[in-house]
Amino acid sequence: MSVLVEFLIFIFALPALFLYLFYTMLHTIADFFGWSFIPGVMGIHIGVTLFVLGQPDPSVQWESIFQTLAGIEVAGMPLSLVLVCAGVTILVIGAAMNIRNQTAR
């Protein structure tokens, strides 16, 4: 009977342990990147999603907003590439500002 109880505790405690480890990992990453973590990751994510989605076939009668966004070009570059570059730039700026603030103390 005790083996069953220990097994149940293990089964219920394992997801809680994984959630705690995931939370501490995200907390450490967010402390390093600061305010720029969410906008940077969202820019990269949306840019990759638009790149994978691509433009619709010209013969379709309607297209989604994401397919419309995938077809937009900003200064000759596709919007997906602009968003990925902006996301990386935001992450680099956030990390550089954090490192600069740590070394200035």
N, C-alpha and C. Protein backbone atom coordinates (compact mmCIF):
# COMPACT_ATOMS: atom_id res chain seq x y z
N MET A 1 0.82 -1.19 0.00
CA MET A 1 0.00 0.00 0.00
C MET A 1 0.86 1.26 0.00
N SER A 2 1.97 1.23 0.74
CA SER A 2 2.82 2.41 0.81
C SER A 2 3.50 2.69 -0.53
N VAL A 3 3.75 1.64 -1.30
CA VAL A 3 4.35 1.83 -2.62
C VAL A 3 3.38 2.59 -3.52
N LEU A 4 2.11 2.27 -3.43
CA LEU A 4 1.10 2.96 -4.22
C LEU A 4 0.99 4.43 -3.83
N VAL A 5 1.04 4.70 -2.55
CA VAL A 5 0.98 6.09 -2.07
C VAL A 5 2.21 6.86 -2.54
N GLU A 6 3.38 6.25 -2.43
CA GLU A 6 4.60 6.91 -2.89
C GLU A 6 4.55 7.15 -4.40
N PHE A 7 4.02 6.20 -5.14
CA PHE A 7 3.89 6.36 -6.58
C PHE A 7 2.94 7.51 -6.92
N LEU A 8 1.82 7.60 -6.22
CA LEU A 8 0.87 8.68 -6.45
C LEU A 8 1.48 10.04 -6.10
N ILE A 9 2.21 10.09 -5.01
CA ILE A 9 2.89 11.35 -4.64
C ILE A 9 3.88 11.73 -5.73
N PHE A 10 4.62 10.74 -6.24
CA PHE A 10 5.58 11.01 -7.31
C PHE A 10 4.87 11.52 -8.57
N ILE A 11 3.77 10.89 -8.93
CA ILE A 11 3.03 11.28 -10.13
C ILE A 11 2.48 12.69 -10.00
N PHE A 12 1.98 13.04 -8.81
CA PHE A 12 1.42 14.38 -8.62
C PHE A 12 2.50 15.43 -8.37
N ALA A 13 3.62 15.05 -7.82
CA ALA A 13 4.68 16.01 -7.52
C ALA A 13 5.55 16.31 -8.74
N LEU A 14 5.64 15.38 -9.66
CA LEU A 14 6.50 15.59 -10.82
C LEU A 14 6.05 16.77 -11.68
N PRO A 15 4.78 16.91 -12.03
CA PRO A 15 4.37 18.11 -12.79
C PRO A 15 4.61 19.40 -12.02
N ALA A 16 4.40 19.38 -10.71
CA ALA A 16 4.66 20.58 -9.92
C ALA A 16 6.14 20.93 -9.94
N LEU A 17 7.00 19.93 -9.89
CA LEU A 17 8.44 20.17 -9.97
C LEU A 17 8.81 20.75 -11.33
N PHE A 18 8.25 20.21 -12.40
CA PHE A 18 8.54 20.74 -13.73
C PHE A 18 8.03 22.17 -13.89
N LEU A 19 6.86 22.46 -13.36
CA LEU A 19 6.34 23.83 -13.41
C LEU A 19 7.24 24.79 -12.64
N TYR A 20 7.72 24.36 -11.48
CA TYR A 20 8.62 25.21 -10.69
C TYR A 20 9.92 25.46 -11.45
N LEU A 21 10.49 24.42 -12.05
CA LEU A 21 11.73 24.59 -12.81
C LEU A 21 11.52 25.49 -14.02
N PHE A 22 10.39 25.34 -14.70
CA PHE A 22 10.07 26.18 -15.85
C PHE A 22 9.91 27.64 -15.42
N TYR A 23 9.24 27.85 -14.29
CA TYR A 23 9.05 29.21 -13.77
C TYR A 23 10.39 29.84 -13.40
N THR A 24 11.25 29.11 -12.71
CA THR A 24 12.55 29.68 -12.33
C THR A 24 13.41 29.97 -13.56
N MET A 25 13.32 29.11 -14.58
CA MET A 25 14.07 29.36 -15.81
C MET A 25 13.57 30.64 -16.49
N LEU A 26 12.25 30.79 -16.61
CA LEU A 26 11.70 32.00 -17.21
C LEU A 26 12.02 33.24 -16.38
N HIS A 27 12.01 33.10 -15.06
CA HIS A 27 12.33 34.23 -14.19
C HIS A 27 13.78 34.67 -14.39
N THR A 28 14.68 33.71 -14.51
CA THR A 28 16.09 34.04 -14.74
C THR A 28 16.28 34.71 -16.10
N ILE A 29 15.63 34.18 -17.12
CA ILE A 29 15.73 34.78 -18.45
C ILE A 29 15.14 36.18 -18.46
N ALA A 30 13.99 36.36 -17.82
CA ALA A 30 13.35 37.68 -17.77
C ALA A 30 14.19 38.67 -16.97
N ASP A 31 14.88 38.21 -15.93
CA ASP A 31 15.77 39.11 -15.19
C ASP A 31 16.93 39.57 -16.06
N PHE A 32 17.41 38.70 -16.94
CA PHE A 32 18.54 39.07 -17.79
C PHE A 32 18.11 40.04 -18.89
N PHE A 33 17.00 39.74 -19.57
CA PHE A 33 16.56 40.58 -20.68
C PHE A 33 15.73 41.77 -20.24
N GLY A 34 15.12 41.69 -19.09
CA GLY A 34 14.33 42.81 -18.57
C GLY A 34 13.06 43.04 -19.37
N TRP A 35 12.77 44.31 -19.62
CA TRP A 35 11.53 44.71 -20.29
C TRP A 35 11.45 44.22 -21.72
N SER A 36 12.56 43.87 -22.32
CA SER A 36 12.59 43.55 -23.75
C SER A 36 12.29 42.09 -24.05
N PHE A 37 12.10 41.27 -23.04
CA PHE A 37 11.92 39.83 -23.27
C PHE A 37 10.65 39.53 -24.07
N ILE A 38 9.51 40.01 -23.60
CA ILE A 38 8.23 39.69 -24.25
C ILE A 38 8.14 40.31 -25.65
N PRO A 39 8.45 41.61 -25.85
CA PRO A 39 8.36 42.14 -27.22
C PRO A 39 9.34 41.47 -28.18
N GLY A 40 10.53 41.15 -27.71
CA GLY A 40 11.51 40.50 -28.57
C GLY A 40 11.08 39.11 -28.99
N VAL A 41 10.63 38.32 -28.04
CA VAL A 41 10.19 36.96 -28.35
C VAL A 41 8.94 36.98 -29.23
N MET A 42 8.02 37.90 -28.95
CA MET A 42 6.81 37.98 -29.77
C MET A 42 7.14 38.41 -31.21
N GLY A 43 8.08 39.33 -31.38
CA GLY A 43 8.49 39.73 -32.73
C GLY A 43 9.09 38.58 -33.50
N ILE A 44 9.96 37.82 -32.84
CA ILE A 44 10.57 36.66 -33.49
C ILE A 44 9.51 35.61 -33.81
N HIS A 45 8.62 35.35 -32.86
CA HIS A 45 7.59 34.33 -33.06
C HIS A 45 6.64 34.70 -34.21
N ILE A 46 6.16 35.92 -34.22
CA ILE A 46 5.23 36.33 -35.28
C ILE A 46 5.94 36.38 -36.63
N GLY A 47 7.20 36.82 -36.65
CA GLY A 47 7.96 36.84 -37.90
C GLY A 47 8.15 35.45 -38.49
N VAL A 48 8.51 34.49 -37.64
CA VAL A 48 8.69 33.11 -38.12
C VAL A 48 7.35 32.53 -38.56
N THR A 49 6.29 32.83 -37.82
CA THR A 49 4.96 32.33 -38.20
C THR A 49 4.53 32.89 -39.56
N LEU A 50 4.74 34.17 -39.79
CA LEU A 50 4.38 34.76 -41.09
C LEU A 50 5.23 34.18 -42.21
N PHE A 51 6.52 33.91 -41.92
CA PHE A 51 7.39 33.32 -42.94
C PHE A 51 6.92 31.92 -43.31
N VAL A 52 6.56 31.12 -42.31
CA VAL A 52 6.10 29.76 -42.57
C VAL A 52 4.75 29.77 -43.29
N LEU A 53 3.87 30.68 -42.90
CA LEU A 53 2.54 30.74 -43.49
C LEU A 53 2.60 31.11 -44.97
N GLY A 54 3.35 32.12 -45.30
CA GLY A 54 3.51 32.53 -46.69
C GLY A 54 2.29 33.19 -47.28
N GLN A 55 2.41 33.57 -48.54
CA GLN A 55 1.33 34.26 -49.23
C GLN A 55 0.36 33.23 -49.81
N PRO A 56 -0.91 33.63 -49.94
CA PRO A 56 -1.89 32.68 -50.48
C PRO A 56 -1.76 32.54 -52.00
N ASP A 57 -2.39 31.52 -52.50
CA ASP A 57 -2.46 31.32 -53.94
C ASP A 57 -3.31 32.43 -54.55
N PRO A 58 -2.90 33.02 -55.67
CA PRO A 58 -3.68 34.12 -56.25
C PRO A 58 -5.10 33.74 -56.66
N SER A 59 -5.38 32.45 -56.83
CA SER A 59 -6.71 32.05 -57.29
C SER A 59 -7.73 31.92 -56.16
N VAL A 60 -7.32 32.06 -54.90
CA VAL A 60 -8.28 31.94 -53.80
C VAL A 60 -9.15 33.19 -53.74
N GLN A 61 -10.36 33.04 -53.24
CA GLN A 61 -11.28 34.16 -53.21
C GLN A 61 -11.06 35.07 -52.01
N TRP A 62 -10.53 34.55 -50.93
CA TRP A 62 -10.28 35.38 -49.75
C TRP A 62 -9.00 34.90 -49.09
N GLU A 63 -8.41 35.76 -48.30
CA GLU A 63 -7.21 35.39 -47.55
C GLU A 63 -7.35 35.91 -46.13
N SER A 64 -6.66 35.24 -45.23
CA SER A 64 -6.74 35.63 -43.82
C SER A 64 -5.87 36.87 -43.57
N ILE A 65 -6.04 37.46 -42.41
CA ILE A 65 -5.24 38.64 -42.06
C ILE A 65 -3.76 38.29 -41.98
N PHE A 66 -3.46 37.06 -41.55
CA PHE A 66 -2.06 36.65 -41.45
C PHE A 66 -1.43 36.48 -42.83
N GLN A 67 -2.19 35.99 -43.78
CA GLN A 67 -1.68 35.88 -45.14
C GLN A 67 -1.51 37.27 -45.77
N THR A 68 -2.40 38.19 -45.41
CA THR A 68 -2.24 39.56 -45.88
C THR A 68 -0.98 40.17 -45.30
N LEU A 69 -0.75 39.95 -44.01
CA LEU A 69 0.47 40.47 -43.37
C LEU A 69 1.72 39.82 -43.95
N ALA A 70 1.64 38.54 -44.30
CA ALA A 70 2.81 37.86 -44.88
C ALA A 70 3.19 38.45 -46.23
N GLY A 71 2.24 39.06 -46.93
CA GLY A 71 2.53 39.64 -48.24
C GLY A 71 3.04 41.07 -48.19
N ILE A 72 3.05 41.69 -47.03
CA ILE A 72 3.48 43.08 -46.91
C ILE A 72 5.00 43.17 -46.98
N GLU A 73 5.48 44.19 -47.66
CA GLU A 73 6.92 44.46 -47.71
C GLU A 73 7.18 45.84 -47.11
N VAL A 74 8.20 45.92 -46.27
CA VAL A 74 8.59 47.18 -45.64
C VAL A 74 9.99 47.51 -46.15
N ALA A 75 10.09 48.60 -46.90
CA ALA A 75 11.37 49.03 -47.48
C ALA A 75 12.02 47.91 -48.29
N GLY A 76 11.21 47.16 -49.03
CA GLY A 76 11.74 46.11 -49.88
C GLY A 76 11.99 44.79 -49.19
N MET A 77 11.78 44.73 -47.89
CA MET A 77 11.98 43.48 -47.14
C MET A 77 10.63 42.94 -46.70
N PRO A 78 10.45 41.62 -46.70
CA PRO A 78 9.18 41.07 -46.21
C PRO A 78 8.97 41.38 -44.74
N LEU A 79 7.72 41.55 -44.35
CA LEU A 79 7.39 41.89 -42.97
C LEU A 79 7.91 40.84 -41.99
N SER A 80 7.91 39.57 -42.39
CA SER A 80 8.39 38.52 -41.49
C SER A 80 9.86 38.73 -41.14
N LEU A 81 10.68 39.09 -42.12
CA LEU A 81 12.10 39.35 -41.86
C LEU A 81 12.29 40.59 -41.00
N VAL A 82 11.48 41.61 -41.23
CA VAL A 82 11.55 42.84 -40.43
C VAL A 82 11.22 42.53 -38.98
N LEU A 83 10.18 41.72 -38.74
CA LEU A 83 9.80 41.39 -37.36
C LEU A 83 10.86 40.56 -36.65
N VAL A 84 11.47 39.61 -37.36
CA VAL A 84 12.54 38.81 -36.74
C VAL A 84 13.73 39.69 -36.41
N CYS A 85 14.14 40.55 -37.32
CA CYS A 85 15.27 41.46 -37.06
C CYS A 85 14.96 42.41 -35.91
N ALA A 86 13.73 42.92 -35.87
CA ALA A 86 13.34 43.82 -34.77
C ALA A 86 13.34 43.07 -33.44
N GLY A 87 12.85 41.83 -33.43
CA GLY A 87 12.84 41.05 -32.19
C GLY A 87 14.24 40.77 -31.68
N VAL A 88 15.15 40.40 -32.58
CA VAL A 88 16.53 40.15 -32.17
C VAL A 88 17.18 41.44 -31.67
N THR A 89 16.93 42.54 -32.35
CA THR A 89 17.48 43.83 -31.93
C THR A 89 16.98 44.23 -30.55
N ILE A 90 15.69 44.04 -30.31
CA ILE A 90 15.13 44.38 -29.00
C ILE A 90 15.76 43.52 -27.90
N LEU A 91 15.94 42.22 -28.16
CA LEU A 91 16.57 41.35 -27.17
C LEU A 91 18.02 41.76 -26.90
N VAL A 92 18.75 42.10 -27.95
CA VAL A 92 20.15 42.51 -27.77
C VAL A 92 20.23 43.82 -26.99
N ILE A 93 19.35 44.76 -27.29
CA ILE A 93 19.35 46.04 -26.57
C ILE A 93 19.02 45.82 -25.09
N GLY A 94 18.02 44.98 -24.81
CA GLY A 94 17.66 44.70 -23.42
C GLY A 94 18.78 44.03 -22.66
N ALA A 95 19.46 43.07 -23.28
CA ALA A 95 20.57 42.39 -22.62
C ALA A 95 21.75 43.34 -22.42
N ALA A 96 22.03 44.17 -23.42
CA ALA A 96 23.14 45.12 -23.29
C ALA A 96 22.88 46.14 -22.19
N MET A 97 21.63 46.61 -22.09
CA MET A 97 21.31 47.56 -21.03
C MET A 97 21.43 46.91 -19.65
N ASN A 98 21.04 45.65 -19.55
CA ASN A 98 21.16 44.95 -18.27
C ASN A 98 22.62 44.76 -17.89
N ILE A 99 23.44 44.37 -18.85
CA ILE A 99 24.87 44.18 -18.57
C ILE A 99 25.51 45.52 -18.21
N ARG A 100 25.13 46.57 -18.91
CA ARG A 100 25.68 47.90 -18.62
C ARG A 100 25.31 48.36 -17.22
N ASN A 101 24.06 48.10 -16.81
CA ASN A 101 23.64 48.49 -15.47
C ASN A 101 24.34 47.67 -14.39
N GLN A 102 24.66 46.40 -14.68
CA GLN A 102 25.36 45.58 -13.70
C GLN A 102 26.81 46.00 -13.54
N THR A 103 27.46 46.40 -14.63
CA THR A 103 28.86 46.79 -14.54
C THR A 103 29.03 48.19 -13.97
N ALA A 104 27.99 49.02 -14.04
CA ALA A 104 28.08 50.39 -13.53
C ALA A 104 27.94 50.45 -12.02
N ARG A 105 27.48 49.39 -11.40
CA ARG A 105 27.27 49.41 -9.94
C ARG A 105 28.54 49.32 -9.18
